[in-house]
């Protein structure tokens, strides 16, 4: 386990995190898990509020990462995820621990990154429904292994557990929560989807995965930005409608970004969603 202590107080970040005063301790854990009959080590990055007292149980949020754009640049596979900073700050300021698991082949995790690639991997992610959904199932297997490993960590209050993510992490978190309807107190979906809506099969792929999440017993929060370069608002609203029609519960929010900003990155603009998240957590006594 590697530990780092850091504070988000740099001048360049003050405008983004102006309302946050937190300090967090980062722990990098390499956790052996069983996947597809093999033992692989998955990287799980844990952030605890500074001053955490050993033996104390903490409410914990699990944040699942997204894709690598088009899947055509292998250097992105092992790059450190840096777009959760605002969410880590938000939850850390409220006394939560944050766990960020890396799926196979991502970050420092072992194994092959194989989440729905074309048969010729140089072309990146495929629109072919069967291969794409098989990649999503592989990712869900990784999520399951990570969640079980996180639940076993001694600081985790398993009675106060939230799952969420950005982009592919958002749709995976929703689908996984539906398959484990009693496990989580909240579900956070930032700009979730599996395939960009430029893919002709995206409606079927994304809709089917979100419908898998409808069995969850808790309400979810869906946050989508306008001018998203991957998902038009109409496509994301359609996914939400399918989720609700299948029995899912939640609130869909359109978050308006500034001209020239890509709405797919709203997770990095906390001033756009902090009040909505506060309301969501307060309504659930979280």
C-alpha atoms as a PDB file:
ATOM      1  CA  UNK A   1       0.000   0.000   0.000  1.00  0.00           C
ATOM      2  CA  UNK A   2       1.314   3.449  -0.964  1.00  0.00           C
ATOM      3  CA  UNK A   3       0.164   6.463   1.050  1.00  0.00           C
ATOM      4  CA  UNK A   4       0.145  10.079  -0.042  1.00  0.00           C
ATOM      5  CA  UNK A   5      -1.127  13.113   1.832  1.00  0.00           C
ATOM      6  CA  UNK A   6      -2.320  16.061  -0.196  1.00  0.00           C
ATOM      7  CA  UNK A   7      -4.438  19.194   0.006  1.00  0.00           C
ATOM      8  CA  UNK A   8      -6.380  20.804  -2.820  1.00  0.00           C
ATOM      9  CA  UNK A   9      -5.233  24.314  -2.017  1.00  0.00           C
ATOM     10  CA  UNK A  10      -3.183  25.237  -5.068  1.00  0.00           C
ATOM     11  CA  UNK A  11      -3.985  28.655  -6.497  1.00  0.00           C
ATOM     12  CA  UNK A  12      -4.925  27.137  -9.849  1.00  0.00           C
ATOM     13  CA  UNK A  13      -7.646  25.083  -8.146  1.00  0.00           C
ATOM     14  CA  UNK A  14      -9.083  27.703  -5.815  1.00  0.00           C
ATOM     15  CA  UNK A  15     -11.772  28.817  -8.221  1.00  0.00           C
ATOM     16  CA  UNK A  16     -12.965  25.242  -8.738  1.00  0.00           C
ATOM     17  CA  UNK A  17     -12.831  24.129  -5.092  1.00  0.00           C
ATOM     18  CA  UNK A  18     -13.507  27.459  -3.423  1.00  0.00           C
ATOM     19  CA  UNK A  19     -16.190  26.004  -1.125  1.00  0.00           C
ATOM     20  CA  UNK A  20     -14.092  23.009  -0.039  1.00  0.00           C
ATOM     21  CA  UNK A  21     -11.659  22.983   2.871  1.00  0.00           C
ATOM     22  CA  UNK A  22     -10.888  19.289   2.954  1.00  0.00           C
ATOM     23  CA  UNK A  23      -7.661  17.373   3.180  1.00  0.00           C
ATOM     24  CA  UNK A  24      -7.477  13.718   2.211  1.00  0.00           C
ATOM     25  CA  UNK A  25      -4.990  10.898   2.573  1.00  0.00           C
ATOM     26  CA  UNK A  26      -4.587   8.805  -0.563  1.00  0.00           C
ATOM     27  CA  UNK A  27      -3.791   5.100  -0.359  1.00  0.00           C
ATOM     28  CA  UNK A  28      -2.930   3.062  -3.432  1.00  0.00           C
ATOM     29  CA  UNK A  29      -3.842  -0.594  -2.916  1.00  0.00           C
ATOM     30  CA  UNK A  30      -3.096  -3.515  -5.233  1.00  0.00           C
ATOM     31  CA  UNK A  31      -5.782  -6.077  -4.399  1.00  0.00           C
ATOM     32  CA  UNK A  32      -5.739  -9.687  -5.680  1.00  0.00           C
ATOM     33  CA  UNK A  33      -9.120 -10.827  -7.010  1.00  0.00           C
ATOM     34  CA  UNK A  34     -10.419 -13.819  -8.953  1.00  0.00           C
ATOM     35  CA  UNK A  35     -11.647 -13.023 -12.469  1.00  0.00           C
ATOM     36  CA  UNK A  36     -12.328 -15.509 -15.244  1.00  0.00           C
ATOM     37  CA  UNK A  37     -10.482 -18.210 -13.340  1.00  0.00           C
ATOM     38  CA  UNK A  38      -7.314 -16.168 -12.886  1.00  0.00           C
ATOM     39  CA  UNK A  39      -5.903 -14.158 -10.000  1.00  0.00           C
ATOM     40  CA  UNK A  40      -5.226 -10.581 -11.010  1.00  0.00           C
ATOM     41  CA  UNK A  41      -4.345  -7.532  -8.963  1.00  0.00           C
ATOM     42  CA  UNK A  42      -6.655  -4.561  -9.332  1.00  0.00           C
ATOM     43  CA  UNK A  43      -5.572  -1.091  -8.300  1.00  0.00           C
ATOM     44  CA  UNK A  44      -7.981   0.506  -5.824  1.00  0.00           C
ATOM     45  CA  UNK A  45      -7.188   4.084  -4.851  1.00  0.00           C
ATOM     46  CA  UNK A  46      -8.683   5.040  -1.499  1.00  0.00           C
ATOM     47  CA  UNK A  47      -9.092   8.570  -0.167  1.00  0.00           C
ATOM     48  CA  UNK A  48      -9.834   9.102   3.539  1.00  0.00           C
ATOM     49  CA  UNK A  49     -10.415  12.401   5.322  1.00  0.00           C
ATOM     50  CA  UNK A  50      -7.188  13.642   6.881  1.00  0.00           C
ATOM     51  CA  UNK A  51      -7.041  12.767  10.568  1.00  0.00           C
ATOM     52  CA  UNK A  52      -8.997   9.565  10.132  1.00  0.00           C
ATOM     53  CA  UNK A  53      -8.931   7.538  13.348  1.00  0.00           C
ATOM     54  CA  UNK A  54      -7.940   3.904  12.873  1.00  0.00           C
ATOM     55  CA  UNK A  55     -10.851   1.593  13.575  1.00  0.00           C
ATOM     56  CA  UNK A  56     -13.516   4.137  12.681  1.00  0.00           C
ATOM     57  CA  UNK A  57     -16.095   3.172  10.086  1.00  0.00           C
ATOM     58  CA  UNK A  58     -16.647   5.698   7.309  1.00  0.00           C
ATOM     59  CA  UNK A  59     -19.509   6.115   4.859  1.00  0.00           C
ATOM     60  CA  UNK A  60     -17.926   5.314   1.526  1.00  0.00           C
ATOM     61  CA  UNK A  61     -18.578   6.209  -2.093  1.00  0.00           C
ATOM     62  CA  UNK A  62     -17.221   4.000  -4.879  1.00  0.00           C
ATOM     63  CA  UNK A  63     -16.452   5.921  -8.080  1.00  0.00           C
ATOM     64  CA  UNK A  64     -16.101   4.012 -11.342  1.00  0.00           C
ATOM     65  CA  UNK A  65     -14.083   5.456 -14.194  1.00  0.00           C
ATOM     66  CA  UNK A  66     -14.994   5.874 -17.844  1.00  0.00           C
ATOM     67  CA  UNK A  67     -13.460   4.808 -21.139  1.00  0.00           C
ATOM     68  CA  UNK A  68     -10.436   6.183 -22.985  1.00  0.00           C
ATOM     69  CA  UNK A  69     -12.228   8.249 -25.621  1.00  0.00           C
ATOM     70  CA  UNK A  70     -12.328   6.118 -28.754  1.00  0.00           C
ATOM     71  CA  UNK A  71     -10.135   3.308 -27.437  1.00  0.00           C
ATOM     72  CA  UNK A  72      -7.464   3.890 -30.067  1.00  0.00           C
ATOM     73  CA  UNK A  73      -4.649   5.254 -27.885  1.00  0.00           C
ATOM     74  CA  UNK A  74      -3.140   2.540 -25.639  1.00  0.00           C
ATOM     75  CA  UNK A  75      -1.196   5.142 -23.646  1.00  0.00           C
ATOM     76  CA  UNK A  76      -4.523   6.210 -22.120  1.00  0.00           C
ATOM     77  CA  UNK A  77      -5.174   2.730 -20.755  1.00  0.00           C
ATOM     78  CA  UNK A  78      -2.569   2.993 -18.013  1.00  0.00           C
ATOM     79  CA  UNK A  79      -2.826   6.734 -17.355  1.00  0.00           C
ATOM     80  CA  UNK A  80      -3.915   7.810 -13.883  1.00  0.00           C
ATOM     81  CA  UNK A  81      -7.539   8.943 -13.670  1.00  0.00           C
ATOM     82  CA  UNK A  82      -7.613  12.640 -12.753  1.00  0.00           C
ATOM     83  CA  UNK A  83     -11.228  13.673 -13.375  1.00  0.00           C
ATOM     84  CA  UNK A  84     -12.609  12.642  -9.980  1.00  0.00           C
ATOM     85  CA  UNK A  85     -10.878  15.446  -8.055  1.00  0.00           C
ATOM     86  CA  UNK A  86     -14.024  17.529  -7.602  1.00  0.00           C
ATOM     87  CA  UNK A  87     -16.064  14.549  -6.416  1.00  0.00           C
ATOM     88  CA  UNK A  88     -13.297  13.435  -4.058  1.00  0.00           C
ATOM     89  CA  UNK A  89     -13.205  16.965  -2.656  1.00  0.00           C
ATOM     90  CA  UNK A  90     -16.977  17.105  -2.323  1.00  0.00           C
ATOM     91  CA  UNK A  91     -17.296  13.850  -0.388  1.00  0.00           C
ATOM     92  CA  UNK A  92     -14.114  14.341   1.607  1.00  0.00           C
ATOM     93  CA  UNK A  93     -15.397  17.675   2.849  1.00  0.00           C
ATOM     94  CA  UNK A  94     -18.431  15.828   4.174  1.00  0.00           C
ATOM     95  CA  UNK A  95     -16.471  13.127   5.992  1.00  0.00           C
ATOM     96  CA  UNK A  96     -16.811  10.357   3.426  1.00  0.00           C
ATOM     97  CA  UNK A  97     -14.148   7.968   2.214  1.00  0.00           C
ATOM     98  CA  UNK A  98     -13.815   7.621  -1.562  1.00  0.00           C
ATOM     99  CA  UNK A  99     -12.674   4.449  -3.338  1.00  0.00           C
ATOM    100  CA  UNK A 100     -11.697   4.562  -7.026  1.00  0.00           C
ATOM    101  CA  UNK A 101     -11.152   1.065  -8.478  1.00  0.00           C
ATOM    102  CA  UNK A 102      -9.305   0.526 -11.757  1.00  0.00           C
ATOM    103  CA  UNK A 103     -10.711  -2.218 -13.960  1.00  0.00           C
ATOM    104  CA  UNK A 104      -8.486  -4.764 -15.706  1.00  0.00           C
ATOM    105  CA  UNK A 105      -5.804  -3.180 -17.838  1.00  0.00           C
ATOM    106  CA  UNK A 106      -6.516   0.348 -16.570  1.00  0.00           C
ATOM    107  CA  UNK A 107      -4.170   2.358 -14.406  1.00  0.00           C
ATOM    108  CA  UNK A 108      -1.881  -0.092 -12.644  1.00  0.00           C
ATOM    109  CA  UNK A 109      -4.362  -2.971 -12.686  1.00  0.00           C
ATOM    110  CA  UNK A 110      -3.219  -6.252 -14.167  1.00  0.00           C
ATOM    111  CA  UNK A 111      -4.955  -8.027 -17.010  1.00  0.00           C
ATOM    112  CA  UNK A 112      -6.133  -7.105 -20.478  1.00  0.00           C
ATOM    113  CA  UNK A 113      -8.228  -4.014 -21.021  1.00  0.00           C
ATOM    114  CA  UNK A 114     -10.926  -5.510 -23.208  1.00  0.00           C
ATOM    115  CA  UNK A 115     -14.185  -3.596 -22.856  1.00  0.00           C
ATOM    116  CA  UNK A 116     -15.852  -4.018 -26.227  1.00  0.00           C
ATOM    117  CA  UNK A 117     -13.083  -3.569 -28.753  1.00  0.00           C
ATOM    118  CA  UNK A 118     -13.277  -4.188 -32.485  1.00  0.00           C
ATOM    119  CA  UNK A 119     -11.811  -7.521 -33.602  1.00  0.00           C
ATOM    120  CA  UNK A 120      -8.912  -5.377 -34.835  1.00  0.00           C
ATOM    121  CA  UNK A 121      -8.106  -3.468 -31.655  1.00  0.00           C
ATOM    122  CA  UNK A 122      -6.428  -0.615 -33.498  1.00  0.00           C
ATOM    123  CA  UNK A 123      -9.918   0.587 -34.441  1.00  0.00           C
ATOM    124  CA  UNK A 124     -10.892   0.963 -30.780  1.00  0.00           C
ATOM    125  CA  UNK A 125     -14.355   0.349 -29.381  1.00  0.00           C
ATOM    126  CA  UNK A 126     -16.842  -1.388 -31.631  1.00  0.00           C
ATOM    127  CA  UNK A 127     -20.480  -0.548 -32.395  1.00  0.00           C
ATOM    128  CA  UNK A 128     -21.207  -4.246 -32.893  1.00  0.00           C
ATOM    129  CA  UNK A 129     -23.806  -4.982 -30.250  1.00  0.00           C
ATOM    130  CA  UNK A 130     -22.631  -8.436 -29.164  1.00  0.00           C
ATOM    131  CA  UNK A 131     -18.980  -7.491 -28.730  1.00  0.00           C
ATOM    132  CA  UNK A 132     -19.863  -4.196 -27.063  1.00  0.00           C
ATOM    133  CA  UNK A 133     -22.207  -5.755 -24.502  1.00  0.00           C
ATOM    134  CA  UNK A 134     -19.712  -8.554 -23.822  1.00  0.00           C
ATOM    135  CA  UNK A 135     -17.184  -5.847 -22.993  1.00  0.00           C
ATOM    136  CA  UNK A 136     -19.687  -4.209 -20.668  1.00  0.00           C
ATOM    137  CA  UNK A 137     -20.252  -7.520 -18.884  1.00  0.00           C
ATOM    138  CA  UNK A 138     -16.497  -7.931 -18.475  1.00  0.00           C
ATOM    139  CA  UNK A 139     -16.403  -4.462 -16.918  1.00  0.00           C
ATOM    140  CA  UNK A 140     -19.302  -5.354 -14.601  1.00  0.00           C
ATOM    141  CA  UNK A 141     -17.377  -8.436 -13.471  1.00  0.00           C
ATOM    142  CA  UNK A 142     -14.496  -6.133 -12.563  1.00  0.00           C
ATOM    143  CA  UNK A 143     -16.846  -3.775 -10.726  1.00  0.00           C
ATOM    144  CA  UNK A 144     -18.211  -6.710  -8.730  1.00  0.00           C
ATOM    145  CA  UNK A 145     -14.732  -7.893  -7.750  1.00  0.00           C
ATOM    146  CA  UNK A 146     -13.771  -4.344  -6.741  1.00  0.00           C
ATOM    147  CA  UNK A 147     -16.920  -3.745  -4.704  1.00  0.00           C
ATOM    148  CA  UNK A 148     -16.399  -6.968  -2.759  1.00  0.00           C
ATOM    149  CA  UNK A 149     -12.778  -6.001  -2.079  1.00  0.00           C
ATOM    150  CA  UNK A 150     -13.792  -2.506  -0.941  1.00  0.00           C
ATOM    151  CA  UNK A 151     -16.538  -3.828   1.324  1.00  0.00           C
ATOM    152  CA  UNK A 152     -13.919  -5.970   3.063  1.00  0.00           C
ATOM    153  CA  UNK A 153     -11.706  -2.954   3.853  1.00  0.00           C
ATOM    154  CA  UNK A 154     -11.860  -2.304   7.612  1.00  0.00           C
ATOM    155  CA  UNK A 155     -12.791   1.380   7.412  1.00  0.00           C
ATOM    156  CA  UNK A 156     -15.844   0.882   5.161  1.00  0.00           C
ATOM    157  CA  UNK A 157     -19.307   1.315   6.662  1.00  0.00           C
ATOM    158  CA  UNK A 158     -21.183  -1.127   4.456  1.00  0.00           C
ATOM    159  CA  UNK A 159     -24.494   0.248   5.750  1.00  0.00           C
ATOM    160  CA  UNK A 160     -23.691   3.593   4.155  1.00  0.00           C
ATOM    161  CA  UNK A 161     -22.329   2.800   0.724  1.00  0.00           C
ATOM    162  CA  UNK A 162     -22.880   4.777  -2.482  1.00  0.00           C
ATOM    163  CA  UNK A 163     -21.837   3.758  -5.985  1.00  0.00           C
ATOM    164  CA  UNK A 164     -21.356   6.136  -8.879  1.00  0.00           C
ATOM    165  CA  UNK A 165     -19.198   7.079 -11.791  1.00  0.00           C
ATOM    166  CA  UNK A 166     -18.607   9.178 -14.854  1.00  0.00           C
ATOM    167  CA  UNK A 167     -19.428   8.170 -18.451  1.00  0.00           C
ATOM    168  CA  UNK A 168     -18.971   4.385 -18.713  1.00  0.00           C
ATOM    169  CA  UNK A 169     -18.565   4.427 -14.949  1.00  0.00           C
ATOM    170  CA  UNK A 170     -22.022   5.973 -14.592  1.00  0.00           C
ATOM    171  CA  UNK A 171     -23.829   3.357 -16.650  1.00  0.00           C
ATOM    172  CA  UNK A 172     -21.857   0.520 -15.032  1.00  0.00           C
ATOM    173  CA  UNK A 173     -22.724   1.791 -11.556  1.00  0.00           C
ATOM    174  CA  UNK A 174     -26.412   1.987 -12.442  1.00  0.00           C
ATOM    175  CA  UNK A 175     -26.500  -1.495 -13.988  1.00  0.00           C
ATOM    176  CA  UNK A 176     -24.530  -3.024 -11.123  1.00  0.00           C
ATOM    177  CA  UNK A 177     -26.785  -1.463  -8.482  1.00  0.00           C
ATOM    178  CA  UNK A 178     -29.772  -3.009 -10.227  1.00  0.00           C
ATOM    179  CA  UNK A 179     -28.158  -6.423  -9.976  1.00  0.00           C
ATOM    180  CA  UNK A 180     -27.494  -5.855  -6.250  1.00  0.00           C
ATOM    181  CA  UNK A 181     -30.606  -3.931  -5.201  1.00  0.00           C
ATOM    182  CA  UNK A 182     -30.015  -4.014  -1.436  1.00  0.00           C
ATOM    183  CA  UNK A 183     -26.350  -3.033  -1.380  1.00  0.00           C
ATOM    184  CA  UNK A 184     -26.290   0.752  -1.874  1.00  0.00           C
ATOM    185  CA  UNK A 185     -27.866   3.818  -0.300  1.00  0.00           C
ATOM    186  CA  UNK A 186     -27.346   5.928  -3.406  1.00  0.00           C
ATOM    187  CA  UNK A 187     -26.449   5.823  -7.100  1.00  0.00           C
ATOM    188  CA  UNK A 188     -24.715   8.715  -8.844  1.00  0.00           C
ATOM    189  CA  UNK A 189     -24.660   8.785 -12.631  1.00  0.00           C
ATOM    190  CA  UNK A 190     -22.602  11.523 -14.263  1.00  0.00           C
ATOM    191  CA  UNK A 191     -23.081  11.617 -18.068  1.00  0.00           C
ATOM    192  CA  UNK A 192     -23.416   7.834 -18.175  1.00  0.00           C
ATOM    193  CA  UNK A 193     -23.385   5.739 -21.318  1.00  0.00           C
ATOM    194  CA  UNK A 194     -21.463   2.882 -22.887  1.00  0.00           C
ATOM    195  CA  UNK A 195     -21.279   3.881 -26.564  1.00  0.00           C
ATOM    196  CA  UNK A 196     -21.444   7.420 -27.920  1.00  0.00           C
ATOM    197  CA  UNK A 197     -24.675   8.175 -29.760  1.00  0.00           C
ATOM    198  CA  UNK A 198     -22.814   8.553 -33.042  1.00  0.00           C
ATOM    199  CA  UNK A 199     -22.782   4.771 -33.015  1.00  0.00           C
ATOM    200  CA  UNK A 200     -25.922   3.478 -34.805  1.00  0.00           C
ATOM    201  CA  UNK A 201     -26.436   0.787 -32.186  1.00  0.00           C
ATOM    202  CA  UNK A 202     -25.943   3.089 -29.190  1.00  0.00           C
ATOM    203  CA  UNK A 203     -29.633   3.395 -28.381  1.00  0.00           C
ATOM    204  CA  UNK A 204     -30.022  -0.348 -27.980  1.00  0.00           C
ATOM    205  CA  UNK A 205     -26.707  -0.872 -26.179  1.00  0.00           C
ATOM    206  CA  UNK A 206     -27.065   1.978 -23.705  1.00  0.00           C
ATOM    207  CA  UNK A 207     -30.768   1.442 -23.158  1.00  0.00           C
ATOM    208  CA  UNK A 208     -30.352  -2.242 -22.351  1.00  0.00           C
ATOM    209  CA  UNK A 209     -27.618  -1.577 -19.797  1.00  0.00           C
ATOM    210  CA  UNK A 210     -29.584   1.139 -18.040  1.00  0.00           C
ATOM    211  CA  UNK A 211     -32.668  -1.077 -17.896  1.00  0.00           C
ATOM    212  CA  UNK A 212     -30.556  -3.613 -15.977  1.00  0.00           C
ATOM    213  CA  UNK A 213     -30.309  -0.997 -13.248  1.00  0.00           C
ATOM    214  CA  UNK A 214     -34.054  -0.567 -12.843  1.00  0.00           C
ATOM    215  CA  UNK A 215     -34.360  -3.246 -10.142  1.00  0.00           C
ATOM    216  CA  UNK A 216     -32.462  -1.163  -7.596  1.00  0.00           C
ATOM    217  CA  UNK A 217     -34.508  -0.133  -4.557  1.00  0.00           C
ATOM    218  CA  UNK A 218     -32.999   3.331  -4.163  1.00  0.00           C
ATOM    219  CA  UNK A 219     -33.447   6.467  -6.201  1.00  0.00           C
ATOM    220  CA  UNK A 220     -30.564   7.539  -8.396  1.00  0.00           C
ATOM    221  CA  UNK A 221     -29.383  10.943  -9.526  1.00  0.00           C
ATOM    222  CA  UNK A 222     -28.602  11.473 -13.218  1.00  0.00           C
ATOM    223  CA  UNK A 223     -26.519  14.523 -14.174  1.00  0.00           C
ATOM    224  CA  UNK A 224     -25.974  15.361 -17.848  1.00  0.00           C
ATOM    225  CA  UNK A 225     -24.420  18.417 -19.430  1.00  0.00           C
ATOM    226  CA  UNK A 226     -25.578  20.147 -22.554  1.00  0.00           C
ATOM    227  CA  UNK A 227     -23.111  20.197 -25.454  1.00  0.00           C
ATOM    228  CA  UNK A 228     -21.851  16.729 -24.550  1.00  0.00           C
ATOM    229  CA  UNK A 229     -19.641  15.548 -27.418  1.00  0.00           C
ATOM    230  CA  UNK A 230     -20.599  11.903 -26.811  1.00  0.00           C
ATOM    231  CA  UNK A 231     -24.260  12.013 -25.813  1.00  0.00           C
ATOM    232  CA  UNK A 232     -26.941  14.389 -27.012  1.00  0.00           C
ATOM    233  CA  UNK A 233     -29.361  15.388 -24.292  1.00  0.00           C
ATOM    234  CA  UNK A 234     -32.230  13.728 -26.177  1.00  0.00           C
ATOM    235  CA  UNK A 235     -30.339  10.423 -26.204  1.00  0.00           C
ATOM    236  CA  UNK A 236     -29.609  10.582 -22.473  1.00  0.00           C
ATOM    237  CA  UNK A 237     -33.183  11.558 -21.651  1.00  0.00           C
ATOM    238  CA  UNK A 238     -34.369   8.576 -23.714  1.00  0.00           C
ATOM    239  CA  UNK A 239     -32.114   6.268 -21.677  1.00  0.00           C
ATOM    240  CA  UNK A 240     -33.598   7.664 -18.475  1.00  0.00           C
ATOM    241  CA  UNK A 241     -37.134   7.178 -19.776  1.00  0.00           C
ATOM    242  CA  UNK A 242     -36.379   3.508 -20.510  1.00  0.00           C
ATOM    243  CA  UNK A 243     -34.914   3.108 -17.026  1.00  0.00           C
ATOM    244  CA  UNK A 244     -38.048   4.590 -15.427  1.00  0.00           C
ATOM    245  CA  UNK A 245     -40.390   2.586 -17.670  1.00  0.00           C
ATOM    246  CA  UNK A 246     -38.651  -0.580 -16.453  1.00  0.00           C
ATOM    247  CA  UNK A 247     -39.299   0.391 -12.828  1.00  0.00           C
ATOM    248  CA  UNK A 248     -36.212   2.473 -12.027  1.00  0.00           C
ATOM    249  CA  UNK A 249     -36.431   5.484  -9.722  1.00  0.00           C
ATOM    250  CA  UNK A 250     -34.429   8.665  -9.993  1.00  0.00           C
ATOM    251  CA  UNK A 251     -34.167  12.278 -11.009  1.00  0.00           C
ATOM    252  CA  UNK A 252     -32.715  13.485 -14.302  1.00  0.00           C
ATOM    253  CA  UNK A 253     -30.969  16.855 -14.309  1.00  0.00           C
ATOM    254  CA  UNK A 254     -29.727  18.840 -17.280  1.00  0.00           C
ATOM    255  CA  UNK A 255     -26.643  20.807 -16.267  1.00  0.00           C
ATOM    256  CA  UNK A 256     -25.876  23.771 -18.493  1.00  0.00           C
ATOM    257  CA  UNK A 257     -22.211  24.452 -19.138  1.00  0.00           C
ATOM    258  CA  UNK A 258     -20.648  27.642 -20.437  1.00  0.00           C
ATOM    259  CA  UNK A 259     -20.306  28.269 -24.184  1.00  0.00           C
ATOM    260  CA  UNK A 260     -17.342  26.334 -25.560  1.00  0.00           C
ATOM    261  CA  UNK A 261     -17.310  23.820 -22.688  1.00  0.00           C
ATOM    262  CA  UNK A 262     -17.887  20.117 -23.301  1.00  0.00           C
ATOM    263  CA  UNK A 263     -20.845  18.967 -21.213  1.00  0.00           C
ATOM    264  CA  UNK A 264     -19.288  15.519 -20.878  1.00  0.00           C
ATOM    265  CA  UNK A 265     -16.912  17.018 -18.316  1.00  0.00           C
ATOM    266  CA  UNK A 266     -19.472  18.437 -15.885  1.00  0.00           C
ATOM    267  CA  UNK A 267     -17.984  16.310 -13.120  1.00  0.00           C
ATOM    268  CA  UNK A 268     -15.114  18.809 -13.056  1.00  0.00           C
ATOM    269  CA  UNK A 269     -17.458  21.794 -12.574  1.00  0.00           C
ATOM    270  CA  UNK A 270     -18.755  21.353  -9.006  1.00  0.00           C
ATOM    271  CA  UNK A 271     -20.368  24.770  -8.960  1.00  0.00           C
ATOM    272  CA  UNK A 272     -22.819  23.323 -11.495  1.00  0.00           C
ATOM    273  CA  UNK A 273     -23.961  20.334  -9.442  1.00  0.00           C
ATOM    274  CA  UNK A 274     -23.099  20.819  -5.747  1.00  0.00           C
ATOM    275  CA  UNK A 275     -26.558  22.076  -4.786  1.00  0.00           C
ATOM    276  CA  UNK A 276     -28.222  19.172  -6.648  1.00  0.00           C
ATOM    277  CA  UNK A 277     -25.957  16.654  -4.922  1.00  0.00           C
ATOM    278  CA  UNK A 278     -26.567  18.244  -1.523  1.00  0.00           C
ATOM    279  CA  UNK A 279     -30.302  17.888  -2.040  1.00  0.00           C
ATOM    280  CA  UNK A 280     -29.951  14.284  -3.188  1.00  0.00           C
ATOM    281  CA  UNK A 281     -27.880  13.276  -0.145  1.00  0.00           C
ATOM    282  CA  UNK A 282     -29.987  15.256   2.317  1.00  0.00           C
ATOM    283  CA  UNK A 283     -33.179  13.628   1.093  1.00  0.00           C
ATOM    284  CA  UNK A 284     -31.634  10.248   1.928  1.00  0.00           C
ATOM    285  CA  UNK A 285     -30.149  11.295   5.267  1.00  0.00           C
ATOM    286  CA  UNK A 286     -26.669  10.841   3.852  1.00  0.00           C
END
